[in-house]
C-alpha atoms as a PDB file:
ATOM      1  CA  UNK A   1       1.158 -38.437  37.849  1.00  0.00           C
ATOM      2  CA  UNK A   2       0.097 -39.826  34.925  1.00  0.00           C
ATOM      3  CA  UNK A   3       1.353 -39.770  31.661  1.00  0.00           C
ATOM      4  CA  UNK A   4      -2.074 -38.411  30.295  1.00  0.00           C
ATOM      5  CA  UNK A   5      -2.461 -35.903  32.535  1.00  0.00           C
ATOM      6  CA  UNK A   6       1.567 -34.703  32.025  1.00  0.00           C
ATOM      7  CA  UNK A   7       1.149 -35.024  28.466  1.00  0.00           C
ATOM      8  CA  UNK A   8      -2.344 -32.019  29.297  1.00  0.00           C
ATOM      9  CA  UNK A   9      -1.106 -29.932  31.362  1.00  0.00           C
ATOM     10  CA  UNK A  10       2.291 -29.790  29.395  1.00  0.00           C
ATOM     11  CA  UNK A  11       0.099 -29.208  27.043  1.00  0.00           C
ATOM     12  CA  UNK A  12      -2.248 -26.268  28.481  1.00  0.00           C
ATOM     13  CA  UNK A  13       1.002 -24.707  30.013  1.00  0.00           C
ATOM     14  CA  UNK A  14       2.464 -24.510  26.283  1.00  0.00           C
ATOM     15  CA  UNK A  15      -0.855 -22.555  24.665  1.00  0.00           C
ATOM     16  CA  UNK A  16      -1.312 -20.477  27.748  1.00  0.00           C
ATOM     17  CA  UNK A  17       1.900 -19.058  26.589  1.00  0.00           C
ATOM     18  CA  UNK A  18       1.133 -18.776  22.277  1.00  0.00           C
ATOM     19  CA  UNK A  19      -1.719 -16.997  23.923  1.00  0.00           C
ATOM     20  CA  UNK A  20      -0.018 -14.254  25.853  1.00  0.00           C
ATOM     21  CA  UNK A  21       2.940 -14.277  23.892  1.00  0.00           C
ATOM     22  CA  UNK A  22       0.914 -13.614  20.765  1.00  0.00           C
ATOM     23  CA  UNK A  23      -0.817 -10.751  23.001  1.00  0.00           C
ATOM     24  CA  UNK A  24       3.000  -9.026  23.938  1.00  0.00           C
ATOM     25  CA  UNK A  25       3.895  -8.941  19.911  1.00  0.00           C
ATOM     26  CA  UNK A  26       0.304  -6.496  19.229  1.00  0.00           C
ATOM     27  CA  UNK A  27       3.061  -3.559  19.749  1.00  0.00           C
ATOM     28  CA  UNK A  28       4.742  -5.259  16.421  1.00  0.00           C
ATOM     29  CA  UNK A  29       2.426  -6.684  14.619  1.00  0.00           C
ATOM     30  CA  UNK A  30      -1.230  -4.707  15.588  1.00  0.00           C
ATOM     31  CA  UNK A  31      -3.358  -7.158  16.577  1.00  0.00           C
ATOM     32  CA  UNK A  32      -4.949  -9.291  13.974  1.00  0.00           C
ATOM     33  CA  UNK A  33      -2.403 -12.419  14.267  1.00  0.00           C
ATOM     34  CA  UNK A  34      -3.791 -12.117  18.242  1.00  0.00           C
ATOM     35  CA  UNK A  35      -7.707 -12.703  16.607  1.00  0.00           C
ATOM     36  CA  UNK A  36      -6.296 -15.215  14.386  1.00  0.00           C
ATOM     37  CA  UNK A  37      -4.173 -17.685  17.234  1.00  0.00           C
ATOM     38  CA  UNK A  38      -7.887 -16.745  19.206  1.00  0.00           C
ATOM     39  CA  UNK A  39      -9.861 -17.711  16.497  1.00  0.00           C
ATOM     40  CA  UNK A  40      -8.025 -21.041  15.794  1.00  0.00           C
ATOM     41  CA  UNK A  41      -7.881 -22.022  19.297  1.00  0.00           C
ATOM     42  CA  UNK A  42     -12.322 -21.151  19.182  1.00  0.00           C
ATOM     43  CA  UNK A  43     -12.546 -23.965  15.994  1.00  0.00           C
ATOM     44  CA  UNK A  44     -10.098 -26.129  18.444  1.00  0.00           C
ATOM     45  CA  UNK A  45     -12.279 -25.772  21.484  1.00  0.00           C
ATOM     46  CA  UNK A  46     -16.025 -25.977  19.473  1.00  0.00           C
ATOM     47  CA  UNK A  47     -14.945 -28.965  18.262  1.00  0.00           C
ATOM     48  CA  UNK A  48     -13.691 -31.054  20.924  1.00  0.00           C
ATOM     49  CA  UNK A  49     -16.799 -30.244  23.094  1.00  0.00           C
ATOM     50  CA  UNK A  50     -18.208 -32.177  20.279  1.00  0.00           C
ATOM     51  CA  UNK A  51     -16.297 -34.987  20.319  1.00  0.00           C
ATOM     52  CA  UNK A  52     -15.960 -35.169  24.485  1.00  0.00           C
ATOM     53  CA  UNK A  53     -12.020 -35.913  24.894  1.00  0.00           C
ATOM     54  CA  UNK A  54     -11.140 -35.941  28.072  1.00  0.00           C
ATOM     55  CA  UNK A  55      -8.833 -37.326  30.132  1.00  0.00           C
ATOM     56  CA  UNK A  56      -9.205 -38.966  33.905  1.00  0.00           C
ATOM     57  CA  UNK A  57      -7.461 -38.897  37.461  1.00  0.00           C
ATOM     58  CA  UNK A  58      -8.908 -40.310  39.877  1.00  0.00           C
ATOM     59  CA  UNK A  59     -12.487 -38.920  40.094  1.00  0.00           C
ATOM     60  CA  UNK A  60     -12.202 -35.861  38.475  1.00  0.00           C
ATOM     61  CA  UNK A  61     -11.970 -35.140  34.798  1.00  0.00           C
ATOM     62  CA  UNK A  62     -10.579 -32.862  32.948  1.00  0.00           C
ATOM     63  CA  UNK A  63     -12.116 -31.887  29.333  1.00  0.00           C
ATOM     64  CA  UNK A  64      -9.136 -31.298  27.201  1.00  0.00           C
ATOM     65  CA  UNK A  65     -11.570 -28.018  25.781  1.00  0.00           C
ATOM     66  CA  UNK A  66     -11.998 -26.710  28.843  1.00  0.00           C
ATOM     67  CA  UNK A  67      -8.943 -27.268  29.876  1.00  0.00           C
ATOM     68  CA  UNK A  68      -6.489 -26.426  27.617  1.00  0.00           C
ATOM     69  CA  UNK A  69      -9.049 -24.053  24.596  1.00  0.00           C
ATOM     70  CA  UNK A  70     -11.563 -22.412  26.731  1.00  0.00           C
ATOM     71  CA  UNK A  71      -8.782 -21.115  29.477  1.00  0.00           C
ATOM     72  CA  UNK A  72      -6.053 -20.187  26.939  1.00  0.00           C
ATOM     73  CA  UNK A  73      -8.523 -17.708  25.722  1.00  0.00           C
ATOM     74  CA  UNK A  74     -10.305 -16.620  28.530  1.00  0.00           C
ATOM     75  CA  UNK A  75      -6.681 -15.832  29.890  1.00  0.00           C
ATOM     76  CA  UNK A  76      -6.077 -13.871  26.175  1.00  0.00           C
ATOM     77  CA  UNK A  77      -9.396 -11.780  27.009  1.00  0.00           C
ATOM     78  CA  UNK A  78      -8.587 -11.339  30.407  1.00  0.00           C
ATOM     79  CA  UNK A  79      -4.772 -10.192  28.702  1.00  0.00           C
ATOM     80  CA  UNK A  80      -7.055  -7.726  25.909  1.00  0.00           C
ATOM     81  CA  UNK A  81      -9.268  -6.062  28.017  1.00  0.00           C
ATOM     82  CA  UNK A  82      -6.635  -5.298  31.167  1.00  0.00           C
ATOM     83  CA  UNK A  83      -4.112  -4.332  28.877  1.00  0.00           C
ATOM     84  CA  UNK A  84      -6.101  -2.381  25.778  1.00  0.00           C
ATOM     85  CA  UNK A  85      -9.347  -1.572  26.682  1.00  0.00           C
ATOM     86  CA  UNK A  86     -13.319  -2.399  26.117  1.00  0.00           C
ATOM     87  CA  UNK A  87     -12.777  -1.704  22.589  1.00  0.00           C
ATOM     88  CA  UNK A  88     -10.313  -4.012  21.796  1.00  0.00           C
ATOM     89  CA  UNK A  89     -12.319  -6.981  24.184  1.00  0.00           C
ATOM     90  CA  UNK A  90     -15.530  -6.920  21.993  1.00  0.00           C
ATOM     91  CA  UNK A  91     -13.233  -7.346  19.031  1.00  0.00           C
ATOM     92  CA  UNK A  92     -12.123 -10.099  20.323  1.00  0.00           C
ATOM     93  CA  UNK A  93     -15.253 -11.598  22.217  1.00  0.00           C
ATOM     94  CA  UNK A  94     -17.339 -11.263  18.686  1.00  0.00           C
ATOM     95  CA  UNK A  95     -13.784 -13.044  17.697  1.00  0.00           C
ATOM     96  CA  UNK A  96     -14.404 -16.196  19.918  1.00  0.00           C
ATOM     97  CA  UNK A  97     -18.544 -15.690  20.001  1.00  0.00           C
ATOM     98  CA  UNK A  98     -18.184 -15.722  15.823  1.00  0.00           C
ATOM     99  CA  UNK A  99     -16.216 -19.423  15.521  1.00  0.00           C
ATOM    100  CA  UNK A 100     -18.160 -20.723  18.287  1.00  0.00           C
ATOM    101  CA  UNK A 101     -21.221 -20.124  16.308  1.00  0.00           C
ATOM    102  CA  UNK A 102     -19.842 -21.597  12.773  1.00  0.00           C
ATOM    103  CA  UNK A 103     -17.991 -24.158  13.910  1.00  0.00           C
ATOM    104  CA  UNK A 104     -21.516 -25.950  14.345  1.00  0.00           C
ATOM    105  CA  UNK A 105     -22.644 -25.098  11.979  1.00  0.00           C
ATOM    106  CA  UNK A 106     -20.571 -25.920   9.294  1.00  0.00           C
ATOM    107  CA  UNK A 107     -19.703 -29.389  10.791  1.00  0.00           C
ATOM    108  CA  UNK A 108     -23.709 -29.696  10.387  1.00  0.00           C
ATOM    109  CA  UNK A 109     -23.580 -28.715   6.879  1.00  0.00           C
ATOM    110  CA  UNK A 110     -20.716 -31.540   6.300  1.00  0.00           C
ATOM    111  CA  UNK A 111     -22.616 -33.840   7.544  1.00  0.00           C
ATOM    112  CA  UNK A 112     -26.032 -33.121   5.692  1.00  0.00           C
ATOM    113  CA  UNK A 113     -24.155 -33.554   2.821  1.00  0.00           C
ATOM    114  CA  UNK A 114     -22.365 -37.015   3.811  1.00  0.00           C
ATOM    115  CA  UNK A 115     -25.363 -38.188   3.890  1.00  0.00           C
ATOM    116  CA  UNK A 116     -26.459 -36.813   0.787  1.00  0.00           C
ATOM    117  CA  UNK A 117     -24.133 -37.666  -1.124  1.00  0.00           C
ATOM    118  CA  UNK A 118     -23.219 -41.634   0.129  1.00  0.00           C
ATOM    119  CA  UNK A 119     -26.084 -42.108   2.861  1.00  0.00           C
ATOM    120  CA  UNK A 120     -23.847 -42.860   5.122  1.00  0.00           C
ATOM    121  CA  UNK A 121     -22.381 -40.792   8.648  1.00  0.00           C
ATOM    122  CA  UNK A 122     -19.800 -38.580   7.724  1.00  0.00           C
ATOM    123  CA  UNK A 123     -16.727 -40.052  10.224  1.00  0.00           C
ATOM    124  CA  UNK A 124     -14.420 -38.335  12.323  1.00  0.00           C
ATOM    125  CA  UNK A 125     -16.852 -34.609  12.273  1.00  0.00           C
ATOM    126  CA  UNK A 126     -18.265 -34.585  15.762  1.00  0.00           C
ATOM    127  CA  UNK A 127     -22.372 -34.287  15.582  1.00  0.00           C
ATOM    128  CA  UNK A 128     -22.275 -30.830  16.987  1.00  0.00           C
ATOM    129  CA  UNK A 129     -25.635 -30.932  19.834  1.00  0.00           C
ATOM    130  CA  UNK A 130     -27.615 -27.630  19.895  1.00  0.00           C
ATOM    131  CA  UNK A 131     -28.182 -27.834  23.353  1.00  0.00           C
ATOM    132  CA  UNK A 132     -24.555 -28.230  24.182  1.00  0.00           C
ATOM    133  CA  UNK A 133     -23.535 -25.291  21.087  1.00  0.00           C
ATOM    134  CA  UNK A 134     -25.647 -23.029  22.281  1.00  0.00           C
ATOM    135  CA  UNK A 135     -25.297 -23.229  26.096  1.00  0.00           C
ATOM    136  CA  UNK A 136     -21.766 -22.805  25.052  1.00  0.00           C
ATOM    137  CA  UNK A 137     -22.056 -19.227  22.835  1.00  0.00           C
ATOM    138  CA  UNK A 138     -24.259 -17.676  25.703  1.00  0.00           C
ATOM    139  CA  UNK A 139     -21.860 -19.017  28.950  1.00  0.00           C
ATOM    140  CA  UNK A 140     -18.902 -17.797  27.227  1.00  0.00           C
ATOM    141  CA  UNK A 141     -20.709 -14.148  25.996  1.00  0.00           C
ATOM    142  CA  UNK A 142     -21.851 -13.735  29.901  1.00  0.00           C
ATOM    143  CA  UNK A 143     -18.465 -15.383  30.921  1.00  0.00           C
ATOM    144  CA  UNK A 144     -16.518 -12.530  29.060  1.00  0.00           C
ATOM    145  CA  UNK A 145     -18.960 -10.092  30.796  1.00  0.00           C
ATOM    146  CA  UNK A 146     -18.850 -10.990  34.413  1.00  0.00           C
ATOM    147  CA  UNK A 147     -14.457 -10.886  33.760  1.00  0.00           C
ATOM    148  CA  UNK A 148     -14.255  -7.380  33.248  1.00  0.00           C
ATOM    149  CA  UNK A 149     -17.003  -6.507  35.691  1.00  0.00           C
ATOM    150  CA  UNK A 150     -15.770  -9.009  38.010  1.00  0.00           C
ATOM    151  CA  UNK A 151     -12.188  -7.130  37.434  1.00  0.00           C
ATOM    152  CA  UNK A 152     -13.199  -3.194  37.940  1.00  0.00           C
ATOM    153  CA  UNK A 153     -15.404  -3.976  40.929  1.00  0.00           C
ATOM    154  CA  UNK A 154     -11.834  -5.392  42.299  1.00  0.00           C
ATOM    155  CA  UNK A 155      -9.411  -3.213  41.350  1.00  0.00           C
ATOM    156  CA  UNK A 156     -11.681  -0.195  43.374  1.00  0.00           C
ATOM    157  CA  UNK A 157      -9.043   1.920  45.335  1.00  0.00           C
ATOM    158  CA  UNK A 158     -11.840   1.270  48.138  1.00  0.00           C
ATOM    159  CA  UNK A 159     -11.312  -1.852  48.920  1.00  0.00           C
ATOM    160  CA  UNK A 160      -7.618  -2.360  48.326  1.00  0.00           C
ATOM    161  CA  UNK A 161      -6.941  -5.537  46.694  1.00  0.00           C
ATOM    162  CA  UNK A 162      -3.793  -6.903  45.857  1.00  0.00           C
ATOM    163  CA  UNK A 163      -3.070  -7.277  42.238  1.00  0.00           C
ATOM    164  CA  UNK A 164      -2.643 -11.455  42.757  1.00  0.00           C
ATOM    165  CA  UNK A 165      -5.686 -11.566  44.383  1.00  0.00           C
ATOM    166  CA  UNK A 166      -7.819  -9.481  42.417  1.00  0.00           C
ATOM    167  CA  UNK A 167      -6.076 -11.997  39.747  1.00  0.00           C
ATOM    168  CA  UNK A 168      -6.991 -14.693  41.210  1.00  0.00           C
ATOM    169  CA  UNK A 169     -10.607 -14.399  42.372  1.00  0.00           C
ATOM    170  CA  UNK A 170     -11.571 -13.289  38.467  1.00  0.00           C
ATOM    171  CA  UNK A 171      -9.945 -16.010  36.908  1.00  0.00           C
ATOM    172  CA  UNK A 172     -10.952 -18.456  39.393  1.00  0.00           C
ATOM    173  CA  UNK A 173     -14.614 -16.191  39.768  1.00  0.00           C
ATOM    174  CA  UNK A 174     -15.238 -16.546  35.742  1.00  0.00           C
ATOM    175  CA  UNK A 175     -14.476 -20.324  35.562  1.00  0.00           C
ATOM    176  CA  UNK A 176     -16.647 -21.172  37.795  1.00  0.00           C
ATOM    177  CA  UNK A 177     -19.435 -19.065  36.929  1.00  0.00           C
ATOM    178  CA  UNK A 178     -18.842 -21.233  32.941  1.00  0.00           C
ATOM    179  CA  UNK A 179     -19.380 -23.933  35.008  1.00  0.00           C
ATOM    180  CA  UNK A 180     -21.984 -22.921  36.730  1.00  0.00           C
ATOM    181  CA  UNK A 181     -23.960 -21.618  33.200  1.00  0.00           C
ATOM    182  CA  UNK A 182     -22.666 -24.405  31.118  1.00  0.00           C
ATOM    183  CA  UNK A 183     -23.316 -27.511  32.989  1.00  0.00           C
ATOM    184  CA  UNK A 184     -26.647 -26.374  33.735  1.00  0.00           C
ATOM    185  CA  UNK A 185     -27.786 -24.931  30.448  1.00  0.00           C
ATOM    186  CA  UNK A 186     -26.056 -28.349  28.718  1.00  0.00           C
ATOM    187  CA  UNK A 187     -26.857 -30.838  31.472  1.00  0.00           C
ATOM    188  CA  UNK A 188     -30.108 -30.424  34.054  1.00  0.00           C
ATOM    189  CA  UNK A 189     -32.456 -32.577  34.159  1.00  0.00           C
ATOM    190  CA  UNK A 190     -30.315 -35.649  32.614  1.00  0.00           C
ATOM    191  CA  UNK A 191     -28.868 -38.337  36.115  1.00  0.00           C
ATOM    192  CA  UNK A 192     -25.057 -37.133  35.508  1.00  0.00           C
ATOM    193  CA  UNK A 193     -25.720 -32.784  35.981  1.00  0.00           C
ATOM    194  CA  UNK A 194     -25.191 -33.432  39.835  1.00  0.00           C
ATOM    195  CA  UNK A 195     -22.017 -35.449  39.357  1.00  0.00           C
ATOM    196  CA  UNK A 196     -21.099 -33.621  35.947  1.00  0.00           C
ATOM    197  CA  UNK A 197     -21.552 -30.105  38.492  1.00  0.00           C
ATOM    198  CA  UNK A 198     -18.738 -31.198  41.354  1.00  0.00           C
ATOM    199  CA  UNK A 199     -16.052 -32.744  38.934  1.00  0.00           C
ATOM    200  CA  UNK A 200     -16.335 -29.373  36.384  1.00  0.00           C
ATOM    201  CA  UNK A 201     -15.704 -26.945  39.989  1.00  0.00           C
ATOM    202  CA  UNK A 202     -13.155 -29.452  41.252  1.00  0.00           C
ATOM    203  CA  UNK A 203     -11.048 -29.724  37.957  1.00  0.00           C
ATOM    204  CA  UNK A 204     -11.453 -25.860  37.561  1.00  0.00           C
ATOM    205  CA  UNK A 205      -9.949 -24.850  40.598  1.00  0.00           C
ATOM    206  CA  UNK A 206      -6.839 -27.047  39.319  1.00  0.00           C
ATOM    207  CA  UNK A 207      -6.780 -25.758  36.370  1.00  0.00           C
ATOM    208  CA  UNK A 208      -7.106 -22.178  37.817  1.00  0.00           C
ATOM    209  CA  UNK A 209      -4.004 -23.315  40.121  1.00  0.00           C
ATOM    210  CA  UNK A 210      -1.757 -23.598  37.428  1.00  0.00           C
ATOM    211  CA  UNK A 211      -3.017 -21.065  35.097  1.00  0.00           C
ATOM    212  CA  UNK A 212      -2.405 -18.265  37.653  1.00  0.00           C
ATOM    213  CA  UNK A 213       0.784 -17.717  37.752  1.00  0.00           C
ATOM    214  CA  UNK A 214       1.015 -17.797  34.515  1.00  0.00           C
ATOM    215  CA  UNK A 215      -1.251 -14.739  34.090  1.00  0.00           C
ATOM    216  CA  UNK A 216      -0.034 -12.959  37.091  1.00  0.00           C
ATOM    217  CA  UNK A 217       3.550 -13.057  36.413  1.00  0.00           C
ATOM    218  CA  UNK A 218       2.866 -11.892  32.588  1.00  0.00           C
ATOM    219  CA  UNK A 219       0.323  -8.762  34.030  1.00  0.00           C
ATOM    220  CA  UNK A 220       3.222  -7.575  36.179  1.00  0.00           C
ATOM    221  CA  UNK A 221       5.943  -7.823  32.950  1.00  0.00           C
ATOM    222  CA  UNK A 222       3.709  -6.241  30.512  1.00  0.00           C
ATOM    223  CA  UNK A 223       3.108  -3.266  33.244  1.00  0.00           C
ATOM    224  CA  UNK A 224       6.879  -3.090  33.928  1.00  0.00           C
ATOM    225  CA  UNK A 225       7.546  -3.197  30.615  1.00  0.00           C
ATOM    226  CA  UNK A 226       4.865  -0.204  29.221  1.00  0.00           C
ATOM    227  CA  UNK A 227       5.929   1.189  32.439  1.00  0.00           C
ATOM    228  CA  UNK A 228       1.911   2.533  32.680  1.00  0.00           C
ATOM    229  CA  UNK A 229      -0.320   1.512  35.788  1.00  0.00           C
ATOM    230  CA  UNK A 230      -3.041  -0.553  35.621  1.00  0.00           C
ATOM    231  CA  UNK A 231      -5.853   1.935  33.969  1.00  0.00           C
ATOM    232  CA  UNK A 232      -9.648   2.053  36.658  1.00  0.00           C
ATOM    233  CA  UNK A 233     -12.411   1.665  34.803  1.00  0.00           C
ATOM    234  CA  UNK A 234     -16.303   1.851  35.605  1.00  0.00           C
ATOM    235  CA  UNK A 235     -17.186  -1.430  36.729  1.00  0.00           C
ATOM    236  CA  UNK A 236     -20.403  -1.284  33.439  1.00  0.00           C
ATOM    237  CA  UNK A 237     -17.427  -0.076  31.172  1.00  0.00           C
ATOM    238  CA  UNK A 238     -17.429  -3.210  28.870  1.00  0.00           C
ATOM    239  CA  UNK A 239     -21.081  -2.039  27.879  1.00  0.00           C
ATOM    240  CA  UNK A 240     -20.697   1.171  27.240  1.00  0.00           C
ATOM    241  CA  UNK A 241     -20.712  -0.095  24.018  1.00  0.00           C
ATOM    242  CA  UNK A 242     -22.546   2.661  22.906  1.00  0.00           C
ATOM    243  CA  UNK A 243     -22.220   5.742  24.324  1.00  0.00           C
ATOM    244  CA  UNK A 244     -18.303   5.315  23.396  1.00  0.00           C
ATOM    245  CA  UNK A 245     -20.128   5.400  19.533  1.00  0.00           C
ATOM    246  CA  UNK A 246     -22.324   7.942  20.187  1.00  0.00           C
ATOM    247  CA  UNK A 247     -18.669   9.965  21.185  1.00  0.00           C
ATOM    248  CA  UNK A 248     -16.568   8.971  18.600  1.00  0.00           C
ATOM    249  CA  UNK A 249     -19.198   9.644  16.181  1.00  0.00           C
ATOM    250  CA  UNK A 250     -19.534  13.242  17.623  1.00  0.00           C
ATOM    251  CA  UNK A 251     -15.723  13.886  17.086  1.00  0.00           C
ATOM    252  CA  UNK A 252     -15.715  12.672  13.853  1.00  0.00           C
ATOM    253  CA  UNK A 253     -18.424  14.727  13.550  1.00  0.00           C
ATOM    254  CA  UNK A 254     -16.452  18.099  15.260  1.00  0.00           C
ATOM    255  CA  UNK A 255     -13.932  16.983  13.333  1.00  0.00           C
ATOM    256  CA  UNK A 256     -15.652  17.448   9.512  1.00  0.00           C
ATOM    257  CA  UNK A 257     -17.218  20.815  10.583  1.00  0.00           C
ATOM    258  CA  UNK A 258     -12.879  21.906  11.237  1.00  0.00           C
ATOM    259  CA  UNK A 259     -12.056  20.941   8.812  1.00  0.00           C
ATOM    260  CA  UNK A 260     -15.029  22.293   6.206  1.00  0.00           C
ATOM    261  CA  UNK A 261     -14.536  25.568   7.745  1.00  0.00           C
ATOM    262  CA  UNK A 262     -10.504  25.351   7.128  1.00  0.00           C
ATOM    263  CA  UNK A 263     -11.423  24.422   3.479  1.00  0.00           C
ATOM    264  CA  UNK A 264     -14.330  27.183   3.069  1.00  0.00           C
ATOM    265  CA  UNK A 265     -11.405  29.922   4.522  1.00  0.00           C
ATOM    266  CA  UNK A 266      -8.887  28.338   1.805  1.00  0.00           C
ATOM    267  CA  UNK A 267     -10.650  28.213  -1.171  1.00  0.00           C
ATOM    268  CA  UNK A 268     -11.889  32.465  -0.236  1.00  0.00           C
ATOM    269  CA  UNK A 269      -8.168  33.264   0.438  1.00  0.00           C
ATOM    270  CA  UNK A 270      -7.479  31.833  -2.729  1.00  0.00           C
ATOM    271  CA  UNK A 271     -10.234  33.295  -4.846  1.00  0.00           C
ATOM    272  CA  UNK A 272      -9.460  35.803  -2.988  1.00  0.00           C
ATOM    273  CA  UNK A 273      -5.687  36.300  -4.501  1.00  0.00           C
ATOM    274  CA  UNK A 274      -4.294  36.207  -7.958  1.00  0.00           C
ATOM    275  CA  UNK A 275      -0.409  35.831  -7.925  1.00  0.00           C
ATOM    276  CA  UNK A 276       1.727  37.683 -11.015  1.00  0.00           C
ATOM    277  CA  UNK A 277       4.696  35.793 -11.584  1.00  0.00           C
ATOM    278  CA  UNK A 278       7.403  35.167 -14.528  1.00  0.00           C
ATOM    279  CA  UNK A 279       9.911  37.693 -16.107  1.00  0.00           C
ATOM    280  CA  UNK A 280       7.750  41.053 -17.125  1.00  0.00           C
ATOM    281  CA  UNK A 281       9.215  42.997 -19.820  1.00  0.00           C
ATOM    282  CA  UNK A 282       8.692  46.822 -18.682  1.00  0.00           C
ATOM    283  CA  UNK A 283       9.350  50.149 -20.439  1.00  0.00           C
ATOM    284  CA  UNK A 284      12.024  51.559 -18.607  1.00  0.00           C
ATOM    285  CA  UNK A 285      11.076  54.750 -19.512  1.00  0.00           C
ATOM    286  CA  UNK A 286       6.994  55.040 -19.390  1.00  0.00           C
ATOM    287  CA  UNK A 287       7.504  51.477 -17.402  1.00  0.00           C
ATOM    288  CA  UNK A 288       4.372  50.118 -19.937  1.00  0.00           C
ATOM    289  CA  UNK A 289       4.211  46.309 -19.499  1.00  0.00           C
ATOM    290  CA  UNK A 290       4.208  43.834 -23.322  1.00  0.00           C
ATOM    291  CA  UNK A 291       1.331  41.701 -22.556  1.00  0.00           C
ATOM    292  CA  UNK A 292       1.373  37.709 -24.327  1.00  0.00           C
ATOM    293  CA  UNK A 293       0.008  38.749 -27.224  1.00  0.00           C
ATOM    294  CA  UNK A 294       3.692  41.652 -28.164  1.00  0.00           C
ATOM    295  CA  UNK A 295       1.289  44.798 -27.211  1.00  0.00           C
ATOM    296  CA  UNK A 296       1.986  47.312 -24.550  1.00  0.00           C
ATOM    297  CA  UNK A 297      -0.205  48.590 -22.314  1.00  0.00           C
ATOM    298  CA  UNK A 298      -0.421  50.658 -18.685  1.00  0.00           C
ATOM    299  CA  UNK A 299       0.346  49.097 -16.176  1.00  0.00           C
ATOM    300  CA  UNK A 300      -1.886  49.715 -13.850  1.00  0.00           C
ATOM    301  CA  UNK A 301      -4.486  48.079 -16.882  1.00  0.00           C
ATOM    302  CA  UNK A 302      -1.712  45.112 -17.459  1.00  0.00           C
ATOM    303  CA  UNK A 303      -2.328  44.767 -12.801  1.00  0.00           C
ATOM    304  CA  UNK A 304      -6.023  45.709 -13.546  1.00  0.00           C
ATOM    305  CA  UNK A 305      -5.791  42.515 -15.946  1.00  0.00           C
ATOM    306  CA  UNK A 306      -4.375  39.857 -14.342  1.00  0.00           C
ATOM    307  CA  UNK A 307      -5.168  40.244 -10.339  1.00  0.00           C
ATOM    308  CA  UNK A 308      -8.495  41.654  -8.947  1.00  0.00           C
ATOM    309  CA  UNK A 309      -6.032  44.356  -7.342  1.00  0.00           C
ATOM    310  CA  UNK A 310      -7.984  48.206  -8.253  1.00  0.00           C
ATOM    311  CA  UNK A 311      -6.453  51.753  -9.460  1.00  0.00           C
ATOM    312  CA  UNK A 312      -7.098  54.725  -6.829  1.00  0.00           C
ATOM    313  CA  UNK A 313      -4.493  57.871  -8.653  1.00  0.00           C
ATOM    314  CA  UNK A 314      -2.792  60.394  -6.774  1.00  0.00           C
ATOM    315  CA  UNK A 315       0.397  62.172  -6.614  1.00  0.00           C
ATOM    316  CA  UNK A 316       3.401  61.526  -4.009  1.00  0.00           C
ATOM    317  CA  UNK A 317       4.819  64.596  -2.468  1.00  0.00           C
ATOM    318  CA  UNK A 318       8.197  64.713  -5.060  1.00  0.00           C
ATOM    319  CA  UNK A 319       5.741  64.807  -8.056  1.00  0.00           C
ATOM    320  CA  UNK A 320       3.772  67.257  -6.202  1.00  0.00           C
ATOM    321  CA  UNK A 321       6.342  69.648  -5.673  1.00  0.00           C
ATOM    322  CA  UNK A 322       7.664  69.025  -9.116  1.00  0.00           C
ATOM    323  CA  UNK A 323       3.667  69.868 -11.316  1.00  0.00           C
ATOM    324  CA  UNK A 324       2.203  71.802  -8.654  1.00  0.00           C
ATOM    325  CA  UNK A 325       4.872  74.158  -6.552  1.00  0.00           C
ATOM    326  CA  UNK A 326       2.502  76.495  -5.833  1.00  0.00           C
ATOM    327  CA  UNK A 327       0.731  74.543  -3.458  1.00  0.00           C
ATOM    328  CA  UNK A 328       2.244  73.575   0.043  1.00  0.00           C
ATOM    329  CA  UNK A 329       0.451  70.682   1.599  1.00  0.00           C
ATOM    330  CA  UNK A 330       1.720  68.225   4.674  1.00  0.00           C
ATOM    331  CA  UNK A 331      -0.104  65.725   3.109  1.00  0.00           C
ATOM    332  CA  UNK A 332       2.120  62.396   1.489  1.00  0.00           C
ATOM    333  CA  UNK A 333       0.098  62.141  -1.354  1.00  0.00           C
ATOM    334  CA  UNK A 334      -3.303  63.931  -2.811  1.00  0.00           C
ATOM    335  CA  UNK A 335      -5.847  61.315  -4.072  1.00  0.00           C
ATOM    336  CA  UNK A 336      -8.172  61.265  -6.628  1.00  0.00           C
ATOM    337  CA  UNK A 337     -11.196  59.337  -8.424  1.00  0.00           C
ATOM    338  CA  UNK A 338      -9.920  56.486 -10.452  1.00  0.00           C
END
C-alpha cells in the first residue's frame, strides 16, 4: 500500500470516529455540537468536490471529498436516524443540504468580488461548477431518504435479516446509489462518464469495506449501552413530516385548551373566595368586631362586608330553650328570613 492511500484511510477512519463520538455525546451535550460538526464536514466536502482532490491506487481513484467527508456525513445521518428518529434526522439533512448550497454560492461571490476588485482570478478558492454542485445537493438529499427507507425495509421482522447484513447492505446501497446519481448528473455525456462510473463504484465498495465494521460496532455498542432495542418504523417514516406536524399541532391545541379550562376554573374559584387574615379585635361580651376605622360592627355585618358570605338568622336548641321554654321541638334550629 502506497503512502498516500495509507494516509487517506487513516484520515478517513479518524473522521469517521470523530462523527460517531460526537453522536455518542448527544445525551451529555445535546445535538448542536453534532450539527456543527456535520455542517463543517459538509463545507469541506463541498470545497474539495470543486477542487477535485483525489488519490490514485492503480486504476482506482479515491476522491477525498467522498472517501473521507461524504462517507463520514453518511455515517452520521445513519446513526442519528437509527437511534434518534426521523425528526432529528431531518434536521441533520437540512443542515447538510443548506451548507452544500451555501458553500458554492459563497465561493462564487468571492470570485466575482476578486475579479471586480483586482481584475484577476482568486487563487486558492475552487471555482464552483453549477452542474456538479447541483448534482451533489440533489443526490445527497435522495441518498439520505433512500438510507432511511432501505434501513426500515431490511429491518422488517418477516425478512429476518441479521443486523450486520442489514447495516452493510444499507450502507453499500446508499454509496452505490450516490455514484449512479451523482456521476450521471455531473458527468453524463462526457467521454469519461463510463470510466468514472466504474472506478467510483469499485472505490465505494472498498470504502464500505473499512467503514462498515466501525459503523456496525458502534450500532451494537450504542444499543447495548442504552439498553433499548432498535425501533422498527414504517418504511416511509422519514417522509411523514406533514402528518407529524399535524399530530403535534393537535396535541398542542389540546394542551392549550386544557390549560385554559384549568385557568378558568382557578379564576372562578378565586373570584368566589375571599379570605379573612390577621387578628380581628372582637368584643368579649357582644361579639362585635372593630373595623379598620376603629368603629365596632356586628360580626355578621363585618363578615358580609369582607367576604361574599350571607347570613340567615335562626336559633340554636340551647337559645330556643332559654328564650322560649314553652316551645318544644326536635329541630336543632328555627331558621328565619334575614
